Amino acid sequence: MSAVVFNAIAPQSSVNQGFYASGNPSLRLTRRARLARTLVVASLAVVMAAGLAAQSGAGDRVVAATSYATVVVPAGATLWSVASAYSDGDIQAMVEAIREANNLPGYDIAAGARLRVPSK
């Protein structure tokens, strides 16, 4: 009669073994190597973000240098009346320019308020 011998050692799976699948568990990164890896990954992320921003058109808008006149709003004046006094043509565009220059949320202005008005 012949005897059959089975090995009692279970086979090891290489799933979720990461870098240790090659059988070298002494492969560990030092603190300096981890810092270098982090800096490389962070710099690559910054370069990629800058590239995406350049492709998307960020920074394409060229702002022309505009000079402003400071105006004190008289009693009973509206934003439209102030804009019409300083506009060359399109009053609505001047109203929007005044709102943008002064960060106004609406179209209401108070008497005595100081407004920056784009000059001609």
Protein backbone atom coordinates (compact mmCIF):
# COMPACT_ATOMS: atom_id res chain seq x y z
CA MET A 1 0.00 0.00 0.00
CA SER A 2 1.13 3.51 -0.67
CA ALA A 3 0.78 6.47 1.65
CA VAL A 4 -0.45 9.88 0.57
CA VAL A 5 0.93 12.88 2.47
CA PHE A 6 -0.80 16.27 2.35
CA ASN A 7 0.99 19.44 3.26
CA ALA A 8 -0.87 21.22 6.08
CA ILE A 9 0.35 24.70 5.05
CA ALA A 10 -2.41 26.79 3.46
CA PRO A 11 -1.53 28.59 0.24
CA GLN A 12 -1.04 32.34 0.68
CA SER A 13 -3.10 34.71 -1.40
CA SER A 14 -1.41 37.66 -3.06
CA VAL A 15 -4.56 39.76 -2.80
CA ASN A 16 -4.05 42.95 -0.73
CA GLN A 17 -0.38 42.21 -0.28
CA GLY A 18 0.71 45.51 -1.85
CA PHE A 19 4.46 45.88 -2.17
CA TYR A 20 5.07 42.76 -0.13
CA ALA A 21 3.74 40.40 -2.81
CA SER A 22 7.28 40.00 -4.09
CA GLY A 23 8.25 38.38 -0.81
CA ASN A 24 10.41 41.24 0.48
CA PRO A 25 8.73 42.50 3.67
CA SER A 26 11.77 44.64 4.55
CA LEU A 27 10.86 47.18 1.85
CA ARG A 28 9.82 50.16 4.01
CA LEU A 29 10.13 53.86 3.26
CA THR A 30 12.11 56.09 5.55
CA ARG A 31 10.73 59.39 6.81
CA ARG A 32 12.80 61.27 4.22
CA ALA A 33 11.52 59.06 1.40
CA ARG A 34 7.90 59.55 2.50
CA LEU A 35 8.43 63.33 2.59
CA ALA A 36 10.00 63.28 -0.87
CA ARG A 37 7.12 61.20 -2.23
CA THR A 38 4.58 63.61 -0.71
CA LEU A 39 6.35 66.65 -2.17
CA VAL A 40 6.50 65.07 -5.63
CA VAL A 41 2.80 64.21 -5.57
CA ALA A 42 1.87 67.68 -4.29
CA SER A 43 3.97 69.43 -6.94
CA LEU A 44 2.44 67.28 -9.68
CA ALA A 45 -1.02 68.20 -8.40
CA VAL A 46 -0.15 71.91 -8.53
CA VAL A 47 1.21 71.59 -12.07
CA MET A 48 -1.92 69.72 -13.19
CA ALA A 49 -4.20 72.32 -11.59
CA ALA A 50 -2.29 75.14 -13.28
CA GLY A 51 -2.53 73.36 -16.61
CA LEU A 52 -6.27 72.87 -16.24
CA ALA A 53 -6.72 76.50 -15.26
CA ALA A 54 -4.76 77.64 -18.30
CA GLN A 55 -6.84 75.43 -20.58
CA SER A 56 -10.12 76.57 -19.12
CA GLY A 57 -9.31 80.21 -19.88
CA ALA A 58 -8.64 81.44 -16.36
CA GLY A 59 -6.65 84.62 -16.54
CA ASP A 60 -7.68 85.46 -20.11
CA ARG A 61 -9.61 88.53 -19.08
CA VAL A 62 -7.48 91.61 -19.39
CA VAL A 63 -8.67 94.42 -17.17
CA ALA A 64 -8.06 97.86 -18.59
CA ALA A 65 -6.81 100.44 -16.15
CA THR A 66 -9.72 102.70 -15.33
CA SER A 67 -9.58 105.96 -13.47
CA TYR A 68 -12.38 106.79 -11.08
CA ALA A 69 -13.93 110.00 -9.82
CA THR A 70 -15.36 110.07 -6.31
CA VAL A 71 -18.86 111.53 -6.21
CA VAL A 72 -20.95 112.42 -3.15
CA VAL A 73 -24.57 111.51 -3.86
CA PRO A 74 -26.87 114.55 -3.50
CA ALA A 75 -30.29 114.27 -1.83
CA GLY A 76 -32.96 112.82 -4.13
CA ALA A 77 -30.47 111.41 -6.63
CA THR A 78 -30.76 107.90 -8.00
CA LEU A 79 -28.13 105.62 -9.40
CA TRP A 80 -29.58 106.27 -12.86
CA SER A 81 -29.28 110.06 -12.47
CA VAL A 82 -25.66 109.81 -11.30
CA ALA A 83 -24.85 107.49 -14.20
CA SER A 84 -26.55 109.76 -16.73
CA ALA A 85 -24.51 112.72 -15.49
CA TYR A 86 -21.23 110.89 -16.09
CA SER A 87 -22.12 108.72 -19.11
CA ASP A 88 -21.11 109.38 -22.72
CA GLY A 89 -23.84 107.22 -24.20
CA ASP A 90 -25.08 103.96 -22.73
CA ILE A 91 -26.49 104.85 -19.31
CA GLN A 92 -27.35 101.28 -18.37
CA ALA A 93 -23.71 100.24 -18.94
CA MET A 94 -22.59 103.11 -16.72
CA VAL A 95 -25.05 102.04 -14.00
CA GLU A 96 -23.58 98.54 -14.07
CA ALA A 97 -20.03 99.93 -14.05
CA ILE A 98 -20.83 102.02 -10.97
CA ARG A 99 -22.43 99.04 -9.23
CA GLU A 100 -19.41 96.87 -10.01
CA ALA A 101 -16.88 99.52 -8.93
CA ASN A 102 -18.66 100.03 -5.59
CA ASN A 103 -19.76 96.42 -4.97
CA LEU A 104 -23.40 97.50 -4.69
CA PRO A 105 -25.84 94.59 -4.29
CA GLY A 106 -28.81 96.54 -5.64
CA TYR A 107 -29.76 99.81 -7.28
CA ASP A 108 -30.50 101.83 -4.13
CA ILE A 109 -28.08 104.53 -2.98
CA ALA A 110 -28.27 106.81 0.04
CA ALA A 111 -27.85 110.57 0.03
CA GLY A 112 -24.36 111.55 1.14
CA ALA A 113 -22.83 108.23 0.07
CA ARG A 114 -19.49 108.34 -1.73
CA LEU A 115 -19.46 106.50 -5.05
CA ARG A 116 -16.57 105.66 -7.33
CA VAL A 117 -17.66 106.55 -10.87
CA PRO A 118 -15.56 105.49 -13.87
CA SER A 119 -14.35 108.69 -15.49
CA LYS A 120 -14.60 109.42 -19.20
